PDB file of N, CA and C in Angstrom:
ATOM      1  N   MET A   1    -108.579 -27.486  20.344  1.00  0.00           N
ATOM      2  CA  MET A   1    -108.865 -26.087  20.503  1.00  0.00           C
ATOM      3  C   MET A   1    -107.946 -25.502  21.566  1.00  0.00           C
ATOM      4  N   ARG A   2    -107.540 -24.283  21.389  1.00  0.00           N
ATOM      5  CA  ARG A   2    -106.617 -23.655  22.320  1.00  0.00           C
ATOM      6  C   ARG A   2    -107.206 -22.335  22.793  1.00  0.00           C
ATOM      7  N   ALA A   3    -107.375 -22.164  24.093  1.00  0.00           N
ATOM      8  CA  ALA A   3    -107.941 -20.941  24.645  1.00  0.00           C
ATOM      9  C   ALA A   3    -106.862 -19.876  24.763  1.00  0.00           C
ATOM     10  N   ALA A   4    -107.270 -18.641  24.690  1.00  0.00           N
ATOM     11  CA  ALA A   4    -106.346 -17.527  24.835  1.00  0.00           C
ATOM     12  C   ALA A   4    -105.826 -17.459  26.261  1.00  0.00           C
ATOM     13  N   ILE A   5    -104.623 -16.953  26.400  1.00  0.00           N
ATOM     14  CA  ILE A   5    -104.022 -16.768  27.718  1.00  0.00           C
ATOM     15  C   ILE A   5    -104.572 -15.484  28.316  1.00  0.00           C
ATOM     16  N   ALA A   6    -104.876 -15.529  29.603  1.00  0.00           N
ATOM     17  CA  ALA A   6    -105.398 -14.345  30.284  1.00  0.00           C
ATOM     18  C   ALA A   6    -104.361 -13.235  30.281  1.00  0.00           C
ATOM     19  N   PRO A   7    -104.797 -12.014  29.966  1.00  0.00           N
ATOM     20  CA  PRO A   7    -103.854 -10.897  29.968  1.00  0.00           C
ATOM     21  C   PRO A   7    -103.492 -10.483  31.396  1.00  0.00           C
ATOM     22  N   ILE A   8    -102.354  -9.838  31.541  1.00  0.00           N
ATOM     23  CA  ILE A   8    -101.977  -9.271  32.828  1.00  0.00           C
ATOM     24  C   ILE A   8    -102.831  -8.028  33.034  1.00  0.00           C
ATOM     25  N   VAL A   9    -103.422  -7.913  34.205  1.00  0.00           N
ATOM     26  CA  VAL A   9    -104.287  -6.771  34.486  1.00  0.00           C
ATOM     27  C   VAL A   9    -103.816  -6.063  35.743  1.00  0.00           C
ATOM     28  N   ASN A  10    -104.257  -4.825  35.920  1.00  0.00           N
ATOM     29  CA  ASN A  10    -103.920  -4.098  37.128  1.00  0.00           C
ATOM     30  C   ASN A  10    -105.190  -3.764  37.901  1.00  0.00           C
ATOM     31  N   THR A  11    -105.076  -2.996  38.964  1.00  0.00           N
ATOM     32  CA  THR A  11    -106.227  -2.726  39.818  1.00  0.00           C
ATOM     33  C   THR A  11    -107.283  -1.863  39.147  1.00  0.00           C
ATOM     34  N   ASP A  12    -106.964  -1.227  38.035  1.00  0.00           N
ATOM     35  CA  ASP A  12    -107.929  -0.391  37.331  1.00  0.00           C
ATOM     36  C   ASP A  12    -108.556  -1.104  36.144  1.00  0.00           C
ATOM     37  N   ALA A  13    -108.411  -2.409  36.071  1.00  0.00           N
ATOM     38  CA  ALA A  13    -108.905  -3.169  34.925  1.00  0.00           C
ATOM     39  C   ALA A  13    -110.301  -3.705  35.198  1.00  0.00           C
ATOM     40  N   TRP A  14    -111.111  -3.662  34.155  1.00  0.00           N
ATOM     41  CA  TRP A  14    -112.481  -4.170  34.208  1.00  0.00           C
ATOM     42  C   TRP A  14    -112.649  -5.229  33.135  1.00  0.00           C
ATOM     43  N   VAL A  15    -113.420  -6.260  33.449  1.00  0.00           N
ATOM     44  CA  VAL A  15    -113.695  -7.330  32.496  1.00  0.00           C
ATOM     45  C   VAL A  15    -115.189  -7.600  32.463  1.00  0.00           C
ATOM     46  N   VAL A  16    -115.596  -8.286  31.409  1.00  0.00           N
ATOM     47  CA  VAL A  16    -116.962  -8.803  31.340  1.00  0.00           C
ATOM     48  C   VAL A  16    -116.851 -10.306  31.564  1.00  0.00           C
ATOM     49  N   GLN A  17    -117.459 -10.767  32.636  1.00  0.00           N
ATOM     50  CA  GLN A  17    -117.482 -12.209  32.871  1.00  0.00           C
ATOM     51  C   GLN A  17    -118.682 -12.755  32.120  1.00  0.00           C
ATOM     52  N   VAL A  18    -118.399 -13.641  31.172  1.00  0.00           N
ATOM     53  CA  VAL A  18    -119.400 -14.081  30.207  1.00  0.00           C
ATOM     54  C   VAL A  18    -120.087 -15.365  30.625  1.00  0.00           C
ATOM     55  N   ALA A  19    -119.310 -16.343  31.084  1.00  0.00           N
ATOM     56  CA  ALA A  19    -119.883 -17.649  31.411  1.00  0.00           C
ATOM     57  C   ALA A  19    -118.901 -18.436  32.254  1.00  0.00           C
ATOM     58  N   ALA A  20    -119.403 -19.504  32.870  1.00  0.00           N
ATOM     59  CA  ALA A  20    -118.563 -20.449  33.609  1.00  0.00           C
ATOM     60  C   ALA A  20    -119.069 -21.850  33.315  1.00  0.00           C
ATOM     61  N   PHE A  21    -118.140 -22.733  33.006  1.00  0.00           N
ATOM     62  CA  PHE A  21    -118.491 -24.102  32.633  1.00  0.00           C
ATOM     63  C   PHE A  21    -117.665 -25.096  33.439  1.00  0.00           C
ATOM     64  N   ALA A  22    -118.249 -26.231  33.721  1.00  0.00           N
ATOM     65  CA  ALA A  22    -117.499 -27.342  34.302  1.00  0.00           C
ATOM     66  C   ALA A  22    -116.661 -28.006  33.215  1.00  0.00           C
ATOM     67  N   ASN A  23    -117.119 -27.920  31.982  1.00  0.00           N
ATOM     68  CA  ASN A  23    -116.484 -28.572  30.847  1.00  0.00           C
ATOM     69  C   ASN A  23    -115.504 -27.608  30.162  1.00  0.00           C
ATOM     70  N   PRO A  24    -114.196 -27.916  30.175  1.00  0.00           N
ATOM     71  CA  PRO A  24    -113.227 -26.996  29.569  1.00  0.00           C
ATOM     72  C   PRO A  24    -113.389 -26.846  28.058  1.00  0.00           C
ATOM     73  N   GLU A  25    -113.917 -27.865  27.390  1.00  0.00           N
ATOM     74  CA  GLU A  25    -114.122 -27.754  25.941  1.00  0.00           C
ATOM     75  C   GLU A  25    -115.186 -26.716  25.613  1.00  0.00           C
ATOM     76  N   ARG A  26    -116.229 -26.629  26.450  1.00  0.00           N
ATOM     77  CA  ARG A  26    -117.272 -25.612  26.216  1.00  0.00           C
ATOM     78  C   ARG A  26    -116.710 -24.211  26.374  1.00  0.00           C
ATOM     79  N   SER A  27    -115.879 -24.011  27.412  1.00  0.00           N
ATOM     80  CA  SER A  27    -115.315 -22.669  27.604  1.00  0.00           C
ATOM     81  C   SER A  27    -114.342 -22.328  26.477  1.00  0.00           C
ATOM     82  N   ALA A  28    -113.534 -23.293  26.054  1.00  0.00           N
ATOM     83  CA  ALA A  28    -112.589 -23.047  24.957  1.00  0.00           C
ATOM     84  C   ALA A  28    -113.332 -22.719  23.665  1.00  0.00           C
ATOM     85  N   ALA A  29    -114.438 -23.397  23.415  1.00  0.00           N
ATOM     86  CA  ALA A  29    -115.224 -23.126  22.208  1.00  0.00           C
ATOM     87  C   ALA A  29    -115.806 -21.714  22.247  1.00  0.00           C
ATOM     88  N   LEU A  30    -116.276 -21.284  23.417  1.00  0.00           N
ATOM     89  CA  LEU A  30    -116.825 -19.931  23.533  1.00  0.00           C
ATOM     90  C   LEU A  30    -115.723 -18.899  23.373  1.00  0.00           C
ATOM     91  N   VAL A  31    -114.557 -19.128  23.961  1.00  0.00           N
ATOM     92  CA  VAL A  31    -113.429 -18.209  23.788  1.00  0.00           C
ATOM     93  C   VAL A  31    -113.083 -18.087  22.312  1.00  0.00           C
ATOM     94  N   GLU A  32    -113.033 -19.203  21.618  1.00  0.00           N
ATOM     95  CA  GLU A  32    -112.714 -19.176  20.193  1.00  0.00           C
ATOM     96  C   GLU A  32    -113.767 -18.388  19.416  1.00  0.00           C
ATOM     97  N   ARG A  33    -115.024 -18.614  19.722  1.00  0.00           N
ATOM     98  CA  ARG A  33    -116.114 -17.892  19.040  1.00  0.00           C
ATOM     99  C   ARG A  33    -116.012 -16.389  19.285  1.00  0.00           C
ATOM    100  N   LEU A  34    -115.731 -16.001  20.529  1.00  0.00           N
ATOM    101  CA  LEU A  34    -115.637 -14.577  20.853  1.00  0.00           C
ATOM    102  C   LEU A  34    -114.391 -13.944  20.234  1.00  0.00           C
ATOM    103  N   THR A  35    -113.258 -14.642  20.254  1.00  0.00           N
ATOM    104  CA  THR A  35    -112.061 -14.078  19.637  1.00  0.00           C
ATOM    105  C   THR A  35    -112.213 -13.992  18.120  1.00  0.00           C
ATOM    106  N   ASP A  36    -112.900 -14.958  17.527  1.00  0.00           N
ATOM    107  CA  ASP A  36    -113.180 -14.884  16.088  1.00  0.00           C
ATOM    108  C   ASP A  36    -114.045 -13.667  15.755  1.00  0.00           C
ATOM    109  N   ALA A  37    -114.854 -13.227  16.720  1.00  0.00           N
ATOM    110  CA  ALA A  37    -115.705 -12.045  16.546  1.00  0.00           C
ATOM    111  C   ALA A  37    -114.957 -10.757  16.910  1.00  0.00           C
ATOM    112  N   GLY A  38    -113.657 -10.874  17.217  1.00  0.00           N
ATOM    113  CA  GLY A  38    -112.850  -9.692  17.493  1.00  0.00           C
ATOM    114  C   GLY A  38    -112.795  -9.270  18.944  1.00  0.00           C
ATOM    115  N   MET A  39    -113.315 -10.083  19.843  1.00  0.00           N
ATOM    116  CA  MET A  39    -113.314  -9.743  21.270  1.00  0.00           C
ATOM    117  C   MET A  39    -112.045 -10.291  21.929  1.00  0.00           C
ATOM    118  N   PRO A  40    -111.486  -9.564  22.904  1.00  0.00           N
ATOM    119  CA  PRO A  40    -110.317 -10.063  23.630  1.00  0.00           C
ATOM    120  C   PRO A  40    -110.743 -11.055  24.721  1.00  0.00           C
ATOM    121  N   ALA A  41    -111.145 -12.239  24.319  1.00  0.00           N
ATOM    122  CA  ALA A  41    -111.680 -13.244  25.240  1.00  0.00           C
ATOM    123  C   ALA A  41    -110.592 -14.186  25.715  1.00  0.00           C
ATOM    124  N   TYR A  42    -110.771 -14.692  26.916  1.00  0.00           N
ATOM    125  CA  TYR A  42    -109.852 -15.671  27.493  1.00  0.00           C
ATOM    126  C   TYR A  42    -110.592 -16.484  28.537  1.00  0.00           C
ATOM    127  N   GLN A  43    -109.968 -17.559  28.982  1.00  0.00           N
ATOM    128  CA  GLN A  43    -110.560 -18.360  30.048  1.00  0.00           C
ATOM    129  C   GLN A  43    -109.572 -18.520  31.184  1.00  0.00           C
ATOM    130  N   LEU A  44    -110.100 -18.747  32.365  1.00  0.00           N
ATOM    131  CA  LEU A  44    -109.288 -19.056  33.524  1.00  0.00           C
ATOM    132  C   LEU A  44    -109.996 -20.141  34.312  1.00  0.00           C
ATOM    133  N   VAL A  45    -109.266 -20.795  35.182  1.00  0.00           N
ATOM    134  CA  VAL A  45    -109.827 -21.885  35.971  1.00  0.00           C
ATOM    135  C   VAL A  45    -109.913 -21.439  37.424  1.00  0.00           C
ATOM    136  N   ALA A  46    -111.066 -21.673  38.037  1.00  0.00           N
ATOM    137  CA  ALA A  46    -111.275 -21.362  39.440  1.00  0.00           C
ATOM    138  C   ALA A  46    -111.812 -22.597  40.146  1.00  0.00           C
ATOM    139  N   ASP A  47    -111.378 -22.799  41.357  1.00  0.00           N
ATOM    140  CA  ASP A  47    -111.900 -23.909  42.154  1.00  0.00           C
ATOM    141  C   ASP A  47    -113.247 -23.523  42.735  1.00  0.00           C
ATOM    142  N   SER A  48    -114.152 -24.488  42.778  1.00  0.00           N
ATOM    143  CA  SER A  48    -115.450 -24.280  43.412  1.00  0.00           C
ATOM    144  C   SER A  48    -115.776 -25.501  44.251  1.00  0.00           C
ATOM    145  N   ALA A  49    -116.849 -25.450  44.997  1.00  0.00           N
ATOM    146  CA  ALA A  49    -117.275 -26.575  45.818  1.00  0.00           C
ATOM    147  C   ALA A  49    -117.607 -27.798  44.961  1.00  0.00           C
ATOM    148  N   HIS A  50    -117.902 -27.568  43.691  1.00  0.00           N
ATOM    149  CA  HIS A  50    -118.277 -28.654  42.781  1.00  0.00           C
ATOM    150  C   HIS A  50    -117.153 -29.032  41.816  1.00  0.00           C
ATOM    151  N   GLY A  51    -115.943 -28.557  42.072  1.00  0.00           N
ATOM    152  CA  GLY A  51    -114.816 -28.850  41.185  1.00  0.00           C
ATOM    153  C   GLY A  51    -114.377 -27.612  40.426  1.00  0.00           C
ATOM    154  N   ALA A  52    -113.559 -27.822  39.418  1.00  0.00           N
ATOM    155  CA  ALA A  52    -113.020 -26.712  38.642  1.00  0.00           C
ATOM    156  C   ALA A  52    -114.096 -26.072  37.770  1.00  0.00           C
ATOM    157  N   LEU A  53    -114.082 -24.742  37.732  1.00  0.00           N
ATOM    158  CA  LEU A  53    -114.934 -23.978  36.826  1.00  0.00           C
ATOM    159  C   LEU A  53    -114.023 -23.286  35.818  1.00  0.00           C
ATOM    160  N   HIS A  54    -114.411 -23.336  34.565  1.00  0.00           N
ATOM    161  CA  HIS A  54    -113.668 -22.694  33.479  1.00  0.00           C
ATOM    162  C   HIS A  54    -114.442 -21.431  33.123  1.00  0.00           C
ATOM    163  N   ILE A  55    -113.893 -20.307  33.540  1.00  0.00           N
ATOM    164  CA  ILE A  55    -114.572 -19.014  33.432  1.00  0.00           C
ATOM    165  C   ILE A  55    -114.116 -18.312  32.158  1.00  0.00           C
ATOM    166  N   VAL A  56    -115.082 -17.783  31.427  1.00  0.00           N
ATOM    167  CA  VAL A  56    -114.799 -17.046  30.190  1.00  0.00           C
ATOM    168  C   VAL A  56    -115.000 -15.559  30.470  1.00  0.00           C
ATOM    169  N   ARG A  57    -113.981 -14.790  30.137  1.00  0.00           N
ATOM    170  CA  ARG A  57    -114.029 -13.334  30.313  1.00  0.00           C
ATOM    171  C   ARG A  57    -113.617 -12.644  29.024  1.00  0.00           C
ATOM    172  N   VAL A  58    -114.048 -11.385  28.904  1.00  0.00           N
ATOM    173  CA  VAL A  58    -113.651 -10.521  27.797  1.00  0.00           C
ATOM    174  C   VAL A  58    -113.053  -9.269  28.419  1.00  0.00           C
ATOM    175  N   GLY A  59    -111.917  -8.858  27.920  1.00  0.00           N
ATOM    176  CA  GLY A  59    -111.268  -7.662  28.440  1.00  0.00           C
ATOM    177  C   GLY A  59    -109.774  -7.894  28.547  1.00  0.00           C
ATOM    178  N   PRO A  60    -109.080  -7.081  29.276  1.00  0.00           N
ATOM    179  CA  PRO A  60    -109.566  -6.057  30.204  1.00  0.00           C
ATOM    180  C   PRO A  60    -109.834  -4.719  29.520  1.00  0.00           C
ATOM    181  N   TYR A  61    -110.600  -3.904  30.217  1.00  0.00           N
ATOM    182  CA  TYR A  61    -110.931  -2.552  29.786  1.00  0.00           C
ATOM    183  C   TYR A  61    -110.515  -1.583  30.885  1.00  0.00           C
ATOM    184  N   ARG A  62    -110.260  -0.342  30.508  1.00  0.00           N
ATOM    185  CA  ARG A  62    -109.775   0.644  31.478  1.00  0.00           C
ATOM    186  C   ARG A  62    -110.853   1.190  32.389  1.00  0.00           C
ATOM    187  N   GLY A  63    -112.098   1.100  31.966  1.00  0.00           N
ATOM    188  CA  GLY A  63    -113.161   1.646  32.793  1.00  0.00           C
ATOM    189  C   GLY A  63    -114.400   0.771  32.786  1.00  0.00           C
ATOM    190  N   ALA A  64    -115.206   0.946  33.811  1.00  0.00           N
ATOM    191  CA  ALA A  64    -116.438   0.166  33.933  1.00  0.00           C
ATOM    192  C   ALA A  64    -117.406   0.470  32.799  1.00  0.00           C
ATOM    193  N   SER A  65    -117.464   1.717  32.343  1.00  0.00           N
ATOM    194  CA  SER A  65    -118.430   2.060  31.290  1.00  0.00           C
ATOM    195  C   SER A  65    -118.047   1.399  29.962  1.00  0.00           C
ATOM    196  N   GLU A  66    -116.765   1.322  29.668  1.00  0.00           N
ATOM    197  CA  GLU A  66    -116.321   0.643  28.447  1.00  0.00           C
ATOM    198  C   GLU A  66    -116.681  -0.846  28.523  1.00  0.00           C
ATOM    199  N   ALA A  67    -116.420  -1.475  29.662  1.00  0.00           N
ATOM    200  CA  ALA A  67    -116.773  -2.886  29.845  1.00  0.00           C
ATOM    201  C   ALA A  67    -118.283  -3.080  29.772  1.00  0.00           C
ATOM    202  N   ASP A  68    -119.038  -2.125  30.309  1.00  0.00           N
ATOM    203  CA  ASP A  68    -120.498  -2.244  30.279  1.00  0.00           C
ATOM    204  C   ASP A  68    -121.042  -2.144  28.859  1.00  0.00           C
ATOM    205  N   ASP A  69    -120.403  -1.341  28.015  1.00  0.00           N
ATOM    206  CA  ASP A  69    -120.812  -1.276  26.606  1.00  0.00           C
ATOM    207  C   ASP A  69    -120.625  -2.634  25.927  1.00  0.00           C
ATOM    208  N   ILE A  70    -119.518  -3.297  26.221  1.00  0.00           N
ATOM    209  CA  ILE A  70    -119.256  -4.633  25.661  1.00  0.00           C
ATOM    210  C   ILE A  70    -120.264  -5.633  26.228  1.00  0.00           C
ATOM    211  N   ARG A  71    -120.540  -5.550  27.519  1.00  0.00           N
ATOM    212  CA  ARG A  71    -121.533  -6.426  28.145  1.00  0.00           C
ATOM    213  C   ARG A  71    -122.875  -6.300  27.449  1.00  0.00           C
ATOM    214  N   ALA A  72    -123.275  -5.097  27.140  1.00  0.00           N
ATOM    215  CA  ALA A  72    -124.554  -4.880  26.461  1.00  0.00           C
ATOM    216  C   ALA A  72    -124.563  -5.567  25.093  1.00  0.00           C
ATOM    217  N   GLN A  73    -123.455  -5.508  24.378  1.00  0.00           N
ATOM    218  CA  GLN A  73    -123.355  -6.201  23.088  1.00  0.00           C
ATOM    219  C   GLN A  73    -123.465  -7.711  23.271  1.00  0.00           C
ATOM    220  N   LEU A  74    -122.747  -8.229  24.248  1.00  0.00           N
ATOM    221  CA  LEU A  74    -122.742  -9.676  24.488  1.00  0.00           C
ATOM    222  C   LEU A  74    -124.107 -10.189  24.929  1.00  0.00           C
ATOM    223  N   ARG A  75    -124.813  -9.408  25.711  1.00  0.00           N
ATOM    224  CA  ARG A  75    -126.106  -9.859  26.237  1.00  0.00           C
ATOM    225  C   ARG A  75    -127.178  -9.945  25.164  1.00  0.00           C
ATOM    226  N   ARG A  76    -126.890  -9.473  23.975  1.00  0.00           N
ATOM    227  CA  ARG A  76    -127.832  -9.633  22.863  1.00  0.00           C
ATOM    228  C   ARG A  76    -127.893 -11.083  22.402  1.00  0.00           C
ATOM    229  N   MET A  77    -126.838 -11.850  22.720  1.00  0.00           N
ATOM    230  CA  MET A  77    -126.839 -13.277  22.399  1.00  0.00           C
ATOM    231  C   MET A  77    -127.547 -13.999  23.551  1.00  0.00           C
ATOM    232  N   PRO A  78    -128.610 -14.740  23.265  1.00  0.00           N
ATOM    233  CA  PRO A  78    -129.416 -15.353  24.325  1.00  0.00           C
ATOM    234  C   PRO A  78    -128.614 -16.175  25.335  1.00  0.00           C
ATOM    235  N   GLU A  79    -127.607 -16.892  24.877  1.00  0.00           N
ATOM    236  CA  GLU A  79    -126.850 -17.729  25.798  1.00  0.00           C
ATOM    237  C   GLU A  79    -125.888 -16.930  26.683  1.00  0.00           C
ATOM    238  N   LEU A  80    -125.750 -15.629  26.422  1.00  0.00           N
ATOM    239  CA  LEU A  80    -124.839 -14.794  27.195  1.00  0.00           C
ATOM    240  C   LEU A  80    -125.566 -13.718  27.998  1.00  0.00           C
ATOM    241  N   GLU A  81    -126.849 -13.917  28.229  1.00  0.00           N
ATOM    242  CA  GLU A  81    -127.652 -12.931  28.962  1.00  0.00           C
ATOM    243  C   GLU A  81    -127.159 -12.695  30.379  1.00  0.00           C
ATOM    244  N   GLY A  82    -126.444 -13.654  30.948  1.00  0.00           N
ATOM    245  CA  GLY A  82    -125.965 -13.527  32.320  1.00  0.00           C
ATOM    246  C   GLY A  82    -124.626 -12.823  32.453  1.00  0.00           C
ATOM    247  N   ALA A  83    -124.080 -12.299  31.359  1.00  0.00           N
ATOM    248  CA  ALA A  83    -122.785 -11.615  31.412  1.00  0.00           C
ATOM    249  C   ALA A  83    -122.852 -10.429  32.357  1.00  0.00           C
ATOM    250  N   PHE A  84    -121.758 -10.213  33.090  1.00  0.00           N
ATOM    251  CA  PHE A  84    -121.714  -9.080  34.010  1.00  0.00           C
ATOM    252  C   PHE A  84    -120.316  -8.491  34.055  1.00  0.00           C
ATOM    253  N   VAL A  85    -120.230  -7.235  34.509  1.00  0.00           N
ATOM    254  CA  VAL A  85    -118.982  -6.487  34.580  1.00  0.00           C
ATOM    255  C   VAL A  85    -118.411  -6.610  35.984  1.00  0.00           C
ATOM    256  N   ARG A  86    -117.079  -6.775  36.049  1.00  0.00           N
ATOM    257  CA  ARG A  86    -116.431  -6.808  37.351  1.00  0.00           C
ATOM    258  C   ARG A  86    -115.046  -6.196  37.253  1.00  0.00           C
ATOM    259  N   ASN A  87    -114.585  -5.659  38.373  1.00  0.00           N
ATOM    260  CA  ASN A  87    -113.239  -5.125  38.486  1.00  0.00           C
ATOM    261  C   ASN A  87    -112.324  -6.259  38.922  1.00  0.00           C
ATOM    262  N   VAL A  88    -111.174  -6.370  38.290  1.00  0.00           N
ATOM    263  CA  VAL A  88    -110.218  -7.404  38.658  1.00  0.00           C
ATOM    264  C   VAL A  88    -108.938  -6.752  39.162  1.00  0.00           C
ATOM    265  N   ALA A  89    -108.465  -7.228  40.286  1.00  0.00           N
ATOM    266  CA  ALA A  89    -107.316  -6.596  40.933  1.00  0.00           C
ATOM    267  C   ALA A  89    -106.003  -7.303  40.640  1.00  0.00           C
ATOM    268  N   THR A  90    -106.039  -8.585  40.301  1.00  0.00           N
ATOM    269  CA  THR A  90    -104.812  -9.310  40.039  1.00  0.00           C
ATOM    270  C   THR A  90    -104.981 -10.175  38.811  1.00  0.00           C
ATOM    271  N   ALA A  91    -103.908 -10.556  38.223  1.00  0.00           N
ATOM    272  CA  ALA A  91    -103.955 -11.404  37.029  1.00  0.00           C
ATOM    273  C   ALA A  91    -104.332 -12.820  37.436  1.00  0.00           C
ATOM    274  N   PRO A  92    -105.357 -13.417  36.781  1.00  0.00           N
ATOM    275  CA  PRO A  92    -105.744 -14.788  37.078  1.00  0.00           C
ATOM    276  C   PRO A  92    -104.789 -15.776  36.417  1.00  0.00           C
ATOM    277  N   THR A  93    -104.840 -16.993  36.869  1.00  0.00           N
ATOM    278  CA  THR A  93    -104.097 -18.061  36.223  1.00  0.00           C
ATOM    279  C   THR A  93    -104.945 -18.575  35.073  1.00  0.00           C
ATOM    280  N   ALA A  94    -104.435 -18.488  33.876  1.00  0.00           N
ATOM    281  CA  ALA A  94    -105.213 -18.872  32.697  1.00  0.00           C
ATOM    282  C   ALA A  94    -104.776 -20.229  32.185  1.00  0.00           C
ATOM    283  N   THR A  95    -105.667 -20.837  31.450  1.00  0.00           N
ATOM    284  CA  THR A  95    -105.330 -22.074  30.757  1.00  0.00           C
ATOM    285  C   THR A  95    -104.945 -21.716  29.338  1.00  0.00           C
ATOM    286  N   HIS A  96    -104.158 -22.536  28.731  1.00  0.00           N
ATOM    287  CA  HIS A  96    -103.795 -22.302  27.335  1.00  0.00           C
ATOM    288  C   HIS A  96    -103.430 -23.580  26.658  1.00  0.00           C
TER     289      HIS A  96
END
């Protein structure tokens, strides 16, 4: 499975952070499922106290309200109830 590359974003970009996994295969599978559903999903890796986290995001969007509309759609799926909107200021390092 191959995860999408994170898009370049600017200071006015908003994303929906969908999930974070210790297991990269789980995040790649979710990215694939979301992209198959037409969402601009990608994953990135972040260091944490417990090791690498593979974060799944959807976006970027130009405004918080647009991202919040997508968040509302995603939260209808029980496993994605924890999705939240955030502003991103710099492009993350993505896996691919």
